[in-house]
Structures are given as structure tokens and as C-alpha cells.
Amino acid sequence: MPLSKQDRDRIAAAIRQAEANTSGQIVCVLARAASNYAFVPIIWASLLALATPWLLIAFTTISVERIYLAQLAVFAVAVALLSIPRLRMLLVPRHLQRLHAHHAALEQFMARGLTHTRGRSGVLIFVSLAERYVRIIADEGIATRVPQSVWQEAVHLLLAEMRHGRIAEGFAEAIAACGRVLAAHFPPRDEGANELPDRIYVM
């Protein structure tokens, strides 16, 4: 697991502390990967298998039956090897990784109820480890007042800690930074309603 119970408790406490000074709501999501990229091993294994007969015909005199068996073997071995997560990720273009991670962040923004807060004041802090992707998405009530560039401080803090393997610390610092921004634009309401759970979701 990327986070221990202690890490989760620390992040939950950071959310509570940040939300004590604002009516805004903060939700954190940590994904191991935005996609399983199951299509990647199939595509690359198919290309290797398709190239195999041409190489064998050009450089050997083995029979058609053996060429066919060799083609099947290449496909099976390639799929098995390229299904290893680290190898698989190396074959996924960076722009495709970012696209999948961005879509996953938007899906989580909708799934975690951030569009239902009073004043549309929800903020999602999304991290996908496999893609090394961090995104902060603010609902429209915040986005009309705070430009996206303002959230970059929190992104940089989180990325800096993640590079050293300190995921919980990174989330805590990003939450505090987001809390400061929210406090400046969304002061606490008298009733102090907490509309969303103070926790991190791990996918």
C-alpha cells in the first residue's frame, strides 16, 4: 500500500485543519495508475509477432509450420514480459499517460461529490503514481475567483515531497497551501458545515 494508516490519519488531520479556516472543501485522491494500459502489451506483442516471419524467412530456411509456431511463441512471451507494470509504462507515450491521468482526475472530481458543495467551493488534489501526475481541480465557484496558476504552489510542494518518497508529507503541504487560498476567498460559515469526508481515497 502506498499509504499506511498513520499516513492516512495525517492527511485527514491536514484536511480538517485547512477546512477550519474556510467553507471550501478539500478532497484527496491517490491512484496507483490512471489506467492499466492493457492494450499496450497486445499492440507491441502483435507488432513483434508480425515482424517475426519476415525475419525468419529472410535469415533462415525453417518450415512454414515452425515459423508459425515461432510467431505464436513471440506473441505469448512478449505479452507476458510487457505486462510487467514497469516495462509496460515505459512503452506508453508521455502524452498518453497525461491524457489518461487527466481523465481519471476529472472522473474522480465528479465521483467524489465535489460538484455538490454549497457555493461550488470544492477542490480535488489528485495524484497518479505510475504517471507521476499531480492535478488540482477547483469547482466553478472557486475557478471564477482563483486562476489555475495559483494552485501551482501546491503542485510543486507535492511533487517535491513525492520525489523523495514522502507522499503523505506532500499531501499535507499541498492541503495547507490549498487551504490558504480557500481561506482568502471562502471564509468559514457560521454553522461550520463539513460537507465531504475528511479523508484520502486510494485507488
N, C-alpha and C. Protein backbone atom coordinates (compact mmCIF):
# COMPACT_ATOMS: atom_id res chain seq x y z
N MET A 1 0.83 -1.20 0.00
CA MET A 1 0.00 0.00 0.00
C MET A 1 0.87 1.25 0.00
N PRO A 2 0.53 2.26 -0.81
CA PRO A 2 1.33 3.48 -0.84
C PRO A 2 1.27 4.25 0.47
N LEU A 3 0.17 4.11 1.23
CA LEU A 3 0.00 4.88 2.46
C LEU A 3 -0.36 3.97 3.62
N SER A 4 0.27 4.21 4.76
CA SER A 4 -0.08 3.49 5.98
C SER A 4 -1.29 4.17 6.62
N LYS A 5 -1.85 3.52 7.65
CA LYS A 5 -2.97 4.12 8.38
C LYS A 5 -2.53 5.44 9.01
N GLN A 6 -1.30 5.48 9.49
CA GLN A 6 -0.78 6.72 10.08
C GLN A 6 -0.72 7.83 9.04
N ASP A 7 -0.31 7.49 7.82
CA ASP A 7 -0.26 8.47 6.74
C ASP A 7 -1.66 9.00 6.43
N ARG A 8 -2.61 8.07 6.36
CA ARG A 8 -3.99 8.48 6.06
C ARG A 8 -4.55 9.39 7.15
N ASP A 9 -4.26 9.04 8.40
CA ASP A 9 -4.72 9.87 9.51
C ASP A 9 -4.09 11.26 9.46
N ARG A 10 -2.82 11.30 9.07
CA ARG A 10 -2.14 12.60 8.99
C ARG A 10 -2.78 13.47 7.90
N ILE A 11 -3.11 12.86 6.77
CA ILE A 11 -3.73 13.62 5.68
C ILE A 11 -5.13 14.08 6.08
N ALA A 12 -5.88 13.21 6.75
CA ALA A 12 -7.22 13.59 7.22
C ALA A 12 -7.14 14.77 8.19
N ALA A 13 -6.13 14.75 9.08
CA ALA A 13 -5.96 15.84 10.04
C ALA A 13 -5.60 17.14 9.32
N ALA A 14 -4.78 17.03 8.27
CA ALA A 14 -4.41 18.22 7.49
C ALA A 14 -5.62 18.82 6.80
N ILE A 15 -6.52 17.97 6.30
CA ILE A 15 -7.74 18.47 5.67
C ILE A 15 -8.61 19.19 6.69
N ARG A 16 -8.78 18.57 7.87
CA ARG A 16 -9.60 19.20 8.91
C ARG A 16 -9.03 20.56 9.31
N GLN A 17 -7.72 20.62 9.44
CA GLN A 17 -7.08 21.88 9.84
C GLN A 17 -7.26 22.95 8.77
N ALA A 18 -7.09 22.57 7.51
CA ALA A 18 -7.24 23.53 6.42
C ALA A 18 -8.68 24.02 6.32
N GLU A 19 -9.64 23.10 6.49
CA GLU A 19 -11.05 23.46 6.35
C GLU A 19 -11.59 24.23 7.55
N ALA A 20 -10.83 24.26 8.64
CA ALA A 20 -11.26 25.03 9.81
C ALA A 20 -11.31 26.52 9.52
N ASN A 21 -10.57 26.96 8.50
CA ASN A 21 -10.49 28.39 8.19
C ASN A 21 -11.22 28.77 6.91
N THR A 22 -12.05 27.86 6.39
CA THR A 22 -12.73 28.12 5.14
C THR A 22 -14.00 27.29 5.02
N SER A 23 -14.92 27.76 4.21
CA SER A 23 -16.10 26.96 3.89
C SER A 23 -15.83 26.06 2.69
N GLY A 24 -14.66 26.20 2.09
CA GLY A 24 -14.28 25.33 0.98
C GLY A 24 -14.06 23.90 1.45
N GLN A 25 -14.15 22.98 0.50
CA GLN A 25 -14.00 21.55 0.80
C GLN A 25 -12.83 20.98 -0.01
N ILE A 26 -11.99 20.18 0.66
CA ILE A 26 -10.82 19.59 0.01
C ILE A 26 -10.96 18.07 0.03
N VAL A 27 -10.76 17.47 -1.13
CA VAL A 27 -10.78 16.01 -1.25
C VAL A 27 -9.47 15.57 -1.90
N CYS A 28 -8.88 14.50 -1.38
CA CYS A 28 -7.62 13.98 -1.92
C CYS A 28 -7.83 12.58 -2.48
N VAL A 29 -7.22 12.33 -3.62
CA VAL A 29 -7.28 11.01 -4.25
C VAL A 29 -5.87 10.61 -4.67
N LEU A 30 -5.48 9.40 -4.30
CA LEU A 30 -4.19 8.83 -4.73
C LEU A 30 -4.46 7.58 -5.54
N ALA A 31 -4.02 7.59 -6.79
CA ALA A 31 -4.19 6.44 -7.67
C ALA A 31 -2.84 5.80 -7.93
N ARG A 32 -2.80 4.48 -7.91
CA ARG A 32 -1.57 3.79 -8.27
C ARG A 32 -1.27 4.01 -9.75
N ALA A 33 -2.31 4.00 -10.58
CA ALA A 33 -2.19 4.28 -12.01
C ALA A 33 -3.54 4.76 -12.51
N ALA A 34 -3.52 5.62 -13.51
CA ALA A 34 -4.77 6.15 -14.06
C ALA A 34 -5.44 5.14 -14.97
N SER A 35 -4.69 4.18 -15.47
CA SER A 35 -5.21 3.15 -16.36
C SER A 35 -4.32 1.93 -16.22
N ASN A 36 -4.85 0.74 -16.58
CA ASN A 36 -3.99 -0.45 -16.58
C ASN A 36 -3.25 -0.61 -17.90
N TYR A 37 -3.61 0.22 -18.89
CA TYR A 37 -2.95 0.21 -20.21
C TYR A 37 -2.84 -1.21 -20.76
N ALA A 38 -3.93 -1.97 -20.60
CA ALA A 38 -3.91 -3.36 -21.03
C ALA A 38 -3.69 -3.51 -22.53
N PHE A 39 -4.02 -2.49 -23.28
CA PHE A 39 -3.85 -2.56 -24.73
C PHE A 39 -2.39 -2.48 -25.16
N VAL A 40 -1.53 -1.94 -24.31
CA VAL A 40 -0.13 -1.71 -24.71
C VAL A 40 0.61 -3.02 -24.98
N PRO A 41 0.59 -4.01 -24.05
CA PRO A 41 1.28 -5.27 -24.36
C PRO A 41 0.75 -5.95 -25.61
N ILE A 42 -0.56 -5.88 -25.84
CA ILE A 42 -1.15 -6.52 -27.02
C ILE A 42 -0.64 -5.88 -28.30
N ILE A 43 -0.62 -4.55 -28.32
CA ILE A 43 -0.18 -3.85 -29.53
C ILE A 43 1.28 -4.17 -29.85
N TRP A 44 2.15 -4.04 -28.83
CA TRP A 44 3.58 -4.28 -29.07
C TRP A 44 3.86 -5.74 -29.38
N ALA A 45 3.19 -6.65 -28.69
CA ALA A 45 3.39 -8.07 -28.96
C ALA A 45 2.92 -8.42 -30.37
N SER A 46 1.83 -7.82 -30.81
CA SER A 46 1.33 -8.07 -32.16
C SER A 46 2.33 -7.58 -33.21
N LEU A 47 2.91 -6.41 -32.99
CA LEU A 47 3.89 -5.88 -33.93
C LEU A 47 5.12 -6.79 -34.01
N LEU A 48 5.59 -7.24 -32.85
CA LEU A 48 6.74 -8.14 -32.84
C LEU A 48 6.42 -9.47 -33.52
N ALA A 49 5.21 -9.98 -33.26
CA ALA A 49 4.82 -11.25 -33.87
C ALA A 49 4.68 -11.10 -35.39
N LEU A 50 4.17 -9.97 -35.84
CA LEU A 50 4.04 -9.74 -37.28
C LEU A 50 5.39 -9.62 -37.97
N ALA A 51 6.38 -9.09 -37.25
CA ALA A 51 7.72 -8.93 -37.83
C ALA A 51 8.50 -10.24 -37.84
N THR A 52 8.14 -11.17 -36.95
CA THR A 52 8.91 -12.42 -36.81
C THR A 52 9.01 -13.23 -38.11
N PRO A 53 7.91 -13.49 -38.84
CA PRO A 53 8.04 -14.30 -40.06
C PRO A 53 8.99 -13.70 -41.09
N TRP A 54 8.95 -12.39 -41.22
CA TRP A 54 9.82 -11.74 -42.21
C TRP A 54 11.28 -11.96 -41.87
N LEU A 55 11.61 -11.86 -40.60
CA LEU A 55 12.99 -12.08 -40.19
C LEU A 55 13.42 -13.53 -40.40
N LEU A 56 12.53 -14.46 -40.05
CA LEU A 56 12.86 -15.87 -40.20
C LEU A 56 12.96 -16.28 -41.67
N ILE A 57 12.08 -15.75 -42.49
CA ILE A 57 12.15 -16.05 -43.92
C ILE A 57 13.42 -15.50 -44.54
N ALA A 58 13.82 -14.32 -44.09
CA ALA A 58 15.00 -13.67 -44.67
C ALA A 58 16.30 -14.34 -44.24
N PHE A 59 16.35 -14.85 -43.01
CA PHE A 59 17.64 -15.31 -42.49
C PHE A 59 17.70 -16.80 -42.16
N THR A 60 16.60 -17.53 -42.36
CA THR A 60 16.62 -18.97 -42.07
C THR A 60 15.92 -19.72 -43.20
N THR A 61 15.97 -21.05 -43.10
CA THR A 61 15.28 -21.90 -44.09
C THR A 61 14.29 -22.83 -43.39
N ILE A 62 13.82 -22.45 -42.21
CA ILE A 62 12.91 -23.32 -41.47
C ILE A 62 11.54 -23.35 -42.15
N SER A 63 10.76 -24.35 -41.83
CA SER A 63 9.48 -24.59 -42.48
C SER A 63 8.43 -23.55 -42.05
N VAL A 64 7.37 -23.49 -42.83
CA VAL A 64 6.27 -22.56 -42.54
C VAL A 64 5.64 -22.88 -41.18
N GLU A 65 5.50 -24.19 -40.89
CA GLU A 65 4.90 -24.58 -39.62
C GLU A 65 5.71 -24.06 -38.43
N ARG A 66 7.03 -24.16 -38.54
CA ARG A 66 7.89 -23.69 -37.45
C ARG A 66 7.87 -22.16 -37.36
N ILE A 67 7.78 -21.53 -38.49
CA ILE A 67 7.67 -20.06 -38.47
C ILE A 67 6.39 -19.64 -37.76
N TYR A 68 5.30 -20.36 -38.05
CA TYR A 68 4.02 -20.05 -37.40
C TYR A 68 4.11 -20.26 -35.89
N LEU A 69 4.74 -21.36 -35.47
CA LEU A 69 4.91 -21.62 -34.04
C LEU A 69 5.80 -20.57 -33.38
N ALA A 70 6.84 -20.18 -34.10
CA ALA A 70 7.72 -19.13 -33.58
C ALA A 70 6.96 -17.82 -33.41
N GLN A 71 6.09 -17.52 -34.35
CA GLN A 71 5.29 -16.30 -34.28
C GLN A 71 4.38 -16.32 -33.05
N LEU A 72 3.73 -17.46 -32.81
CA LEU A 72 2.88 -17.59 -31.63
C LEU A 72 3.69 -17.45 -30.34
N ALA A 73 4.88 -18.07 -30.33
CA ALA A 73 5.73 -18.01 -29.14
C ALA A 73 6.18 -16.58 -28.86
N VAL A 74 6.57 -15.86 -29.91
CA VAL A 74 6.99 -14.46 -29.74
C VAL A 74 5.85 -13.64 -29.18
N PHE A 75 4.65 -13.85 -29.70
CA PHE A 75 3.50 -13.09 -29.21
C PHE A 75 3.25 -13.38 -27.73
N ALA A 76 3.24 -14.65 -27.36
CA ALA A 76 2.94 -15.03 -25.97
C ALA A 76 4.00 -14.50 -25.00
N VAL A 77 5.27 -14.65 -25.36
CA VAL A 77 6.35 -14.19 -24.49
C VAL A 77 6.33 -12.67 -24.37
N ALA A 78 6.10 -12.00 -25.49
CA ALA A 78 6.08 -10.53 -25.48
C ALA A 78 4.94 -10.00 -24.61
N VAL A 79 3.77 -10.62 -24.72
CA VAL A 79 2.64 -10.19 -23.88
C VAL A 79 2.97 -10.37 -22.41
N ALA A 80 3.56 -11.51 -22.07
CA ALA A 80 3.90 -11.79 -20.66
C ALA A 80 4.92 -10.79 -20.13
N LEU A 81 5.95 -10.54 -20.90
CA LEU A 81 7.00 -9.62 -20.45
C LEU A 81 6.50 -8.18 -20.36
N LEU A 82 5.78 -7.76 -21.38
CA LEU A 82 5.33 -6.37 -21.43
C LEU A 82 4.15 -6.10 -20.51
N SER A 83 3.61 -7.14 -19.89
CA SER A 83 2.56 -6.95 -18.90
C SER A 83 3.13 -6.59 -17.53
N ILE A 84 4.45 -6.72 -17.37
CA ILE A 84 5.09 -6.26 -16.14
C ILE A 84 4.91 -4.74 -16.06
N PRO A 85 4.31 -4.24 -14.98
CA PRO A 85 3.93 -2.82 -14.94
C PRO A 85 5.02 -1.84 -15.33
N ARG A 86 6.24 -2.03 -14.83
CA ARG A 86 7.29 -1.06 -15.13
C ARG A 86 7.66 -1.07 -16.61
N LEU A 87 7.74 -2.25 -17.19
CA LEU A 87 8.03 -2.33 -18.62
C LEU A 87 6.89 -1.74 -19.45
N ARG A 88 5.68 -2.05 -19.03
CA ARG A 88 4.51 -1.56 -19.76
C ARG A 88 4.48 -0.03 -19.78
N MET A 89 4.76 0.60 -18.63
CA MET A 89 4.72 2.05 -18.57
C MET A 89 5.79 2.69 -19.45
N LEU A 90 6.92 2.02 -19.62
CA LEU A 90 7.98 2.57 -20.47
C LEU A 90 7.54 2.67 -21.93
N LEU A 91 6.57 1.87 -22.31
CA LEU A 91 6.11 1.85 -23.70
C LEU A 91 4.92 2.78 -23.96
N VAL A 92 4.39 3.38 -22.89
CA VAL A 92 3.26 4.29 -23.05
C VAL A 92 3.79 5.70 -23.26
N PRO A 93 3.49 6.34 -24.38
CA PRO A 93 3.97 7.71 -24.61
C PRO A 93 3.53 8.65 -23.50
N ARG A 94 4.39 9.61 -23.18
CA ARG A 94 4.12 10.53 -22.07
C ARG A 94 2.80 11.28 -22.27
N HIS A 95 2.53 11.72 -23.48
CA HIS A 95 1.29 12.47 -23.70
C HIS A 95 0.06 11.60 -23.46
N LEU A 96 0.18 10.29 -23.74
CA LEU A 96 -0.94 9.38 -23.50
C LEU A 96 -1.12 9.13 -22.01
N GLN A 97 -0.01 9.04 -21.28
CA GLN A 97 -0.09 8.91 -19.82
C GLN A 97 -0.81 10.11 -19.21
N ARG A 98 -0.42 11.30 -19.65
CA ARG A 98 -1.03 12.52 -19.10
C ARG A 98 -2.51 12.60 -19.46
N LEU A 99 -2.86 12.16 -20.66
CA LEU A 99 -4.26 12.18 -21.08
C LEU A 99 -5.11 11.26 -20.20
N HIS A 100 -4.62 10.04 -19.96
CA HIS A 100 -5.36 9.10 -19.10
C HIS A 100 -5.45 9.63 -17.67
N ALA A 101 -4.36 10.19 -17.17
CA ALA A 101 -4.35 10.71 -15.80
C ALA A 101 -5.31 11.89 -15.66
N HIS A 102 -5.33 12.75 -16.67
CA HIS A 102 -6.24 13.90 -16.64
C HIS A 102 -7.69 13.43 -16.63
N HIS A 103 -8.02 12.46 -17.47
CA HIS A 103 -9.38 11.93 -17.50
C HIS A 103 -9.75 11.29 -16.15
N ALA A 104 -8.79 10.57 -15.56
CA ALA A 104 -9.04 9.95 -14.26
C ALA A 104 -9.30 11.01 -13.19
N ALA A 105 -8.57 12.12 -13.23
CA ALA A 105 -8.77 13.21 -12.27
C ALA A 105 -10.17 13.80 -12.43
N LEU A 106 -10.60 14.02 -13.66
CA LEU A 106 -11.95 14.56 -13.89
C LEU A 106 -13.02 13.60 -13.40
N GLU A 107 -12.81 12.30 -13.63
CA GLU A 107 -13.78 11.30 -13.17
C GLU A 107 -13.89 11.31 -11.65
N GLN A 108 -12.74 11.41 -10.97
CA GLN A 108 -12.75 11.44 -9.52
C GLN A 108 -13.39 12.72 -8.98
N PHE A 109 -13.19 13.81 -9.69
CA PHE A 109 -13.81 15.07 -9.28
C PHE A 109 -15.33 14.93 -9.25
N MET A 110 -15.86 14.27 -10.27
CA MET A 110 -17.32 14.07 -10.32
C MET A 110 -17.76 13.01 -9.30
N ALA A 111 -16.99 11.93 -9.19
CA ALA A 111 -17.40 10.80 -8.35
C ALA A 111 -17.39 11.13 -6.87
N ARG A 112 -16.53 12.04 -6.43
CA ARG A 112 -16.39 12.33 -5.00
C ARG A 112 -17.30 13.45 -4.51
N GLY A 113 -18.24 13.88 -5.35
CA GLY A 113 -19.25 14.83 -4.90
C GLY A 113 -18.80 16.26 -4.83
N LEU A 114 -17.71 16.60 -5.46
CA LEU A 114 -17.19 17.97 -5.36
C LEU A 114 -18.06 18.99 -6.07
N THR A 115 -18.90 18.55 -6.98
CA THR A 115 -19.77 19.48 -7.69
C THR A 115 -21.05 19.79 -6.92
N HIS A 116 -21.21 19.19 -5.75
CA HIS A 116 -22.44 19.35 -4.98
C HIS A 116 -22.26 20.21 -3.73
N THR A 117 -21.12 20.83 -3.57
CA THR A 117 -20.89 21.63 -2.37
C THR A 117 -21.58 22.99 -2.50
N ARG A 118 -21.93 23.55 -1.37
CA ARG A 118 -22.53 24.89 -1.36
C ARG A 118 -21.51 25.90 -1.86
N GLY A 119 -21.93 26.73 -2.78
CA GLY A 119 -21.02 27.73 -3.33
C GLY A 119 -20.06 27.16 -4.35
N ARG A 120 -20.23 25.86 -4.68
CA ARG A 120 -19.33 25.20 -5.64
C ARG A 120 -17.87 25.46 -5.26
N SER A 121 -17.55 25.16 -4.00
CA SER A 121 -16.24 25.52 -3.44
C SER A 121 -15.38 24.30 -3.13
N GLY A 122 -15.51 23.25 -3.94
CA GLY A 122 -14.71 22.04 -3.72
C GLY A 122 -13.41 22.06 -4.50
N VAL A 123 -12.39 21.46 -3.91
CA VAL A 123 -11.07 21.34 -4.55
C VAL A 123 -10.61 19.89 -4.46
N LEU A 124 -10.20 19.35 -5.59
CA LEU A 124 -9.65 18.00 -5.63
C LEU A 124 -8.14 18.06 -5.80
N ILE A 125 -7.42 17.31 -4.94
CA ILE A 125 -5.98 17.11 -5.12
C ILE A 125 -5.80 15.67 -5.57
N PHE A 126 -5.39 15.51 -6.81
CA PHE A 126 -5.31 14.18 -7.44
C PHE A 126 -3.86 13.85 -7.77
N VAL A 127 -3.45 12.64 -7.40
CA VAL A 127 -2.10 12.15 -7.72
C VAL A 127 -2.22 10.76 -8.33
N SER A 128 -1.53 10.55 -9.43
CA SER A 128 -1.41 9.22 -10.01
C SER A 128 0.08 8.85 -10.03
N LEU A 129 0.43 7.82 -9.28
CA LEU A 129 1.84 7.50 -9.08
C LEU A 129 2.52 6.99 -10.34
N ALA A 130 1.89 6.09 -11.07
CA ALA A 130 2.53 5.49 -12.24
C ALA A 130 2.88 6.54 -13.28
N GLU A 131 2.01 7.53 -13.43
CA GLU A 131 2.25 8.58 -14.43
C GLU A 131 3.02 9.77 -13.86
N ARG A 132 3.27 9.74 -12.55
CA ARG A 132 3.92 10.87 -11.88
C ARG A 132 3.16 12.16 -12.21
N TYR A 133 1.85 12.08 -11.97
CA TYR A 133 0.95 13.16 -12.38
C TYR A 133 0.27 13.75 -11.15
N VAL A 134 0.26 15.06 -11.06
CA VAL A 134 -0.43 15.77 -9.98
C VAL A 134 -1.34 16.82 -10.61
N ARG A 135 -2.57 16.86 -10.15
CA ARG A 135 -3.53 17.84 -10.69
C ARG A 135 -4.41 18.34 -9.56
N ILE A 136 -4.64 19.65 -9.55
CA ILE A 136 -5.59 20.25 -8.62
C ILE A 136 -6.72 20.84 -9.45
N ILE A 137 -7.94 20.38 -9.15
CA ILE A 137 -9.11 20.83 -9.89
C ILE A 137 -10.04 21.55 -8.91
N ALA A 138 -10.39 22.78 -9.23
CA ALA A 138 -11.29 23.57 -8.40
C ALA A 138 -12.64 23.68 -9.09
N ASP A 139 -13.70 23.60 -8.30
CA ASP A 139 -15.04 23.74 -8.85
C ASP A 139 -15.27 25.18 -9.32
N GLU A 140 -16.35 25.39 -10.05
CA GLU A 140 -16.53 26.67 -10.74
C GLU A 140 -16.65 27.85 -9.80
N GLY A 141 -17.18 27.64 -8.58
CA GLY A 141 -17.26 28.74 -7.64
C GLY A 141 -15.90 29.29 -7.27
N ILE A 142 -14.89 28.44 -7.24
CA ILE A 142 -13.52 28.86 -6.95
C ILE A 142 -12.83 29.31 -8.24
N ALA A 143 -13.04 28.56 -9.31
CA ALA A 143 -12.33 28.83 -10.57
C ALA A 143 -12.63 30.23 -11.09
N THR A 144 -13.82 30.77 -10.78
CA THR A 144 -14.14 32.13 -11.24
C THR A 144 -13.37 33.19 -10.47
N ARG A 145 -12.83 32.83 -9.31
CA ARG A 145 -12.11 33.79 -8.48
C ARG A 145 -10.60 33.54 -8.45
N VAL A 146 -10.22 32.29 -8.65
CA VAL A 146 -8.80 31.91 -8.50
C VAL A 146 -8.31 31.28 -9.79
N PRO A 147 -7.33 31.89 -10.46
CA PRO A 147 -6.80 31.29 -11.69
C PRO A 147 -6.08 29.98 -11.40
N GLN A 148 -6.04 29.10 -12.38
CA GLN A 148 -5.42 27.79 -12.21
C GLN A 148 -3.97 27.89 -11.79
N SER A 149 -3.29 28.92 -12.24
CA SER A 149 -1.85 29.08 -11.94
C SER A 149 -1.58 29.20 -10.44
N VAL A 150 -2.58 29.68 -9.68
CA VAL A 150 -2.40 29.85 -8.24
C VAL A 150 -2.15 28.52 -7.55
N TRP A 151 -2.73 27.44 -8.10
CA TRP A 151 -2.60 26.12 -7.47
C TRP A 151 -1.23 25.49 -7.71
N GLN A 152 -0.42 26.11 -8.55
CA GLN A 152 0.90 25.53 -8.87
C GLN A 152 1.80 25.42 -7.65
N GLU A 153 1.65 26.32 -6.71
CA GLU A 153 2.47 26.22 -5.48
C GLU A 153 2.23 24.89 -4.79
N ALA A 154 0.94 24.54 -4.66
CA ALA A 154 0.59 23.27 -4.02
C ALA A 154 1.09 22.09 -4.84
N VAL A 155 1.00 22.17 -6.16
CA VAL A 155 1.50 21.10 -7.04
C VAL A 155 3.00 20.92 -6.84
N HIS A 156 3.74 22.02 -6.82
CA HIS A 156 5.20 21.93 -6.66
C HIS A 156 5.58 21.35 -5.30
N LEU A 157 4.87 21.74 -4.26
CA LEU A 157 5.15 21.20 -2.93
C LEU A 157 4.93 19.69 -2.90
N LEU A 158 3.86 19.26 -3.50
CA LEU A 158 3.53 17.83 -3.52
C LEU A 158 4.55 17.04 -4.34
N LEU A 159 4.89 17.55 -5.50
CA LEU A 159 5.87 16.86 -6.35
C LEU A 159 7.24 16.78 -5.68
N ALA A 160 7.64 17.85 -5.00
CA ALA A 160 8.95 17.87 -4.34
C ALA A 160 9.05 16.78 -3.29
N GLU A 161 7.99 16.59 -2.50
CA GLU A 161 8.00 15.55 -1.47
C GLU A 161 7.90 14.15 -2.10
N MET A 162 7.13 14.02 -3.17
CA MET A 162 6.98 12.73 -3.81
C MET A 162 8.30 12.22 -4.39
N ARG A 163 9.13 13.13 -4.86
CA ARG A 163 10.43 12.72 -5.41
C ARG A 163 11.28 12.01 -4.37
N HIS A 164 11.02 12.29 -3.10
CA HIS A 164 11.76 11.65 -2.01
C HIS A 164 10.94 10.55 -1.34
N GLY A 165 9.84 10.18 -1.98
CA GLY A 165 9.02 9.11 -1.44
C GLY A 165 8.15 9.50 -0.27
N ARG A 166 8.02 10.80 -0.01
CA ARG A 166 7.23 11.26 1.14
C ARG A 166 5.85 11.72 0.66
N ILE A 167 5.01 10.73 0.36
CA ILE A 167 3.70 11.03 -0.23
C ILE A 167 2.80 11.74 0.78
N ALA A 168 2.72 11.23 1.99
CA ALA A 168 1.84 11.84 3.00
C ALA A 168 2.27 13.27 3.29
N GLU A 169 3.57 13.49 3.41
CA GLU A 169 4.06 14.84 3.67
C GLU A 169 3.71 15.78 2.52
N GLY A 170 3.82 15.26 1.31
CA GLY A 170 3.48 16.08 0.15
C GLY A 170 2.02 16.47 0.14
N PHE A 171 1.15 15.51 0.44
CA PHE A 171 -0.28 15.82 0.51
C PHE A 171 -0.55 16.85 1.60
N ALA A 172 0.07 16.67 2.76
CA ALA A 172 -0.17 17.59 3.87
C ALA A 172 0.23 19.02 3.49
N GLU A 173 1.36 19.18 2.82
CA GLU A 173 1.79 20.52 2.42
C GLU A 173 0.89 21.10 1.34
N ALA A 174 0.47 20.26 0.39
CA ALA A 174 -0.42 20.74 -0.66
C ALA A 174 -1.78 21.13 -0.08
N ILE A 175 -2.27 20.36 0.87
CA ILE A 175 -3.55 20.67 1.52
C ILE A 175 -3.46 22.02 2.23
N ALA A 176 -2.37 22.24 2.95
CA ALA A 176 -2.19 23.51 3.66
C ALA A 176 -2.16 24.69 2.68
N ALA A 177 -1.47 24.51 1.55
CA ALA A 177 -1.39 25.57 0.54
C ALA A 177 -2.77 25.85 -0.05
N CYS A 178 -3.51 24.79 -0.36
CA CYS A 178 -4.87 24.97 -0.89
C CYS A 178 -5.77 25.63 0.15
N GLY A 179 -5.59 25.23 1.40
CA GLY A 179 -6.39 25.82 2.47
C GLY A 179 -6.19 27.31 2.59
N ARG A 180 -4.94 27.76 2.40
CA ARG A 180 -4.66 29.20 2.47
C ARG A 180 -5.38 29.95 1.35
N VAL A 181 -5.38 29.36 0.17
CA VAL A 181 -6.08 30.00 -0.95
C VAL A 181 -7.57 30.05 -0.69
N LEU A 182 -8.13 28.94 -0.23
CA LEU A 182 -9.57 28.89 0.04
C LEU A 182 -9.97 29.87 1.15
N ALA A 183 -9.16 29.96 2.18
CA ALA A 183 -9.48 30.85 3.30
C ALA A 183 -9.55 32.31 2.85
N ALA A 184 -8.75 32.66 1.85
CA ALA A 184 -8.74 34.05 1.36
C ALA A 184 -10.00 34.39 0.58
N HIS A 185 -10.66 33.39 0.03
CA HIS A 185 -11.82 33.65 -0.84
C HIS A 185 -13.13 33.08 -0.29
N PHE A 186 -13.04 32.06 0.57
CA PHE A 186 -14.23 31.42 1.11
C PHE A 186 -14.09 31.31 2.63
N PRO A 187 -14.43 32.37 3.35
CA PRO A 187 -14.32 32.31 4.82
C PRO A 187 -15.28 31.27 5.38
N PRO A 188 -15.03 30.82 6.62
CA PRO A 188 -15.90 29.80 7.21
C PRO A 188 -17.33 30.31 7.40
N ARG A 189 -18.29 29.41 7.24
CA ARG A 189 -19.68 29.76 7.51
C ARG A 189 -19.94 29.58 9.00
N ASP A 190 -20.95 30.27 9.48
CA ASP A 190 -21.27 30.24 10.92
C ASP A 190 -21.55 28.82 11.40
N GLU A 191 -22.25 28.05 10.56
CA GLU A 191 -22.62 26.71 11.02
C GLU A 191 -21.47 25.72 10.91
N GLY A 192 -20.40 26.10 10.21
CA GLY A 192 -19.22 25.25 10.13
C GLY A 192 -19.49 23.89 9.54
N ALA A 193 -20.39 23.83 8.55
CA ALA A 193 -20.77 22.54 7.96
C ALA A 193 -19.59 21.91 7.23
N ASN A 194 -19.41 20.60 7.46
CA ASN A 194 -18.39 19.84 6.73
C ASN A 194 -19.14 18.93 5.76
N GLU A 195 -19.10 19.29 4.48
CA GLU A 195 -19.97 18.64 3.51
C GLU A 195 -19.40 17.34 2.96
N LEU A 196 -18.07 17.18 2.98
CA LEU A 196 -17.45 15.99 2.40
C LEU A 196 -16.51 15.34 3.41
N PRO A 197 -16.32 14.03 3.33
CA PRO A 197 -15.45 13.34 4.29
C PRO A 197 -14.02 13.88 4.27
N ASP A 198 -13.43 13.99 5.45
CA ASP A 198 -12.03 14.42 5.57
C ASP A 198 -11.14 13.18 5.48
N ARG A 199 -10.80 12.78 4.29
CA ARG A 199 -10.03 11.55 4.10
C ARG A 199 -9.37 11.57 2.73
N ILE A 200 -8.45 10.62 2.53
CA ILE A 200 -7.86 10.41 1.21
C ILE A 200 -8.40 9.11 0.64
N TYR A 201 -8.76 9.14 -0.61
CA TYR A 201 -9.23 7.94 -1.31
C TYR A 201 -8.05 7.34 -2.08
N VAL A 202 -7.80 6.06 -1.86
CA VAL A 202 -6.70 5.38 -2.55
C VAL A 202 -7.30 4.41 -3.55
N MET A 203 -6.92 4.56 -4.80
CA MET A 203 -7.45 3.72 -5.87
C MET A 203 -6.44 2.64 -6.22
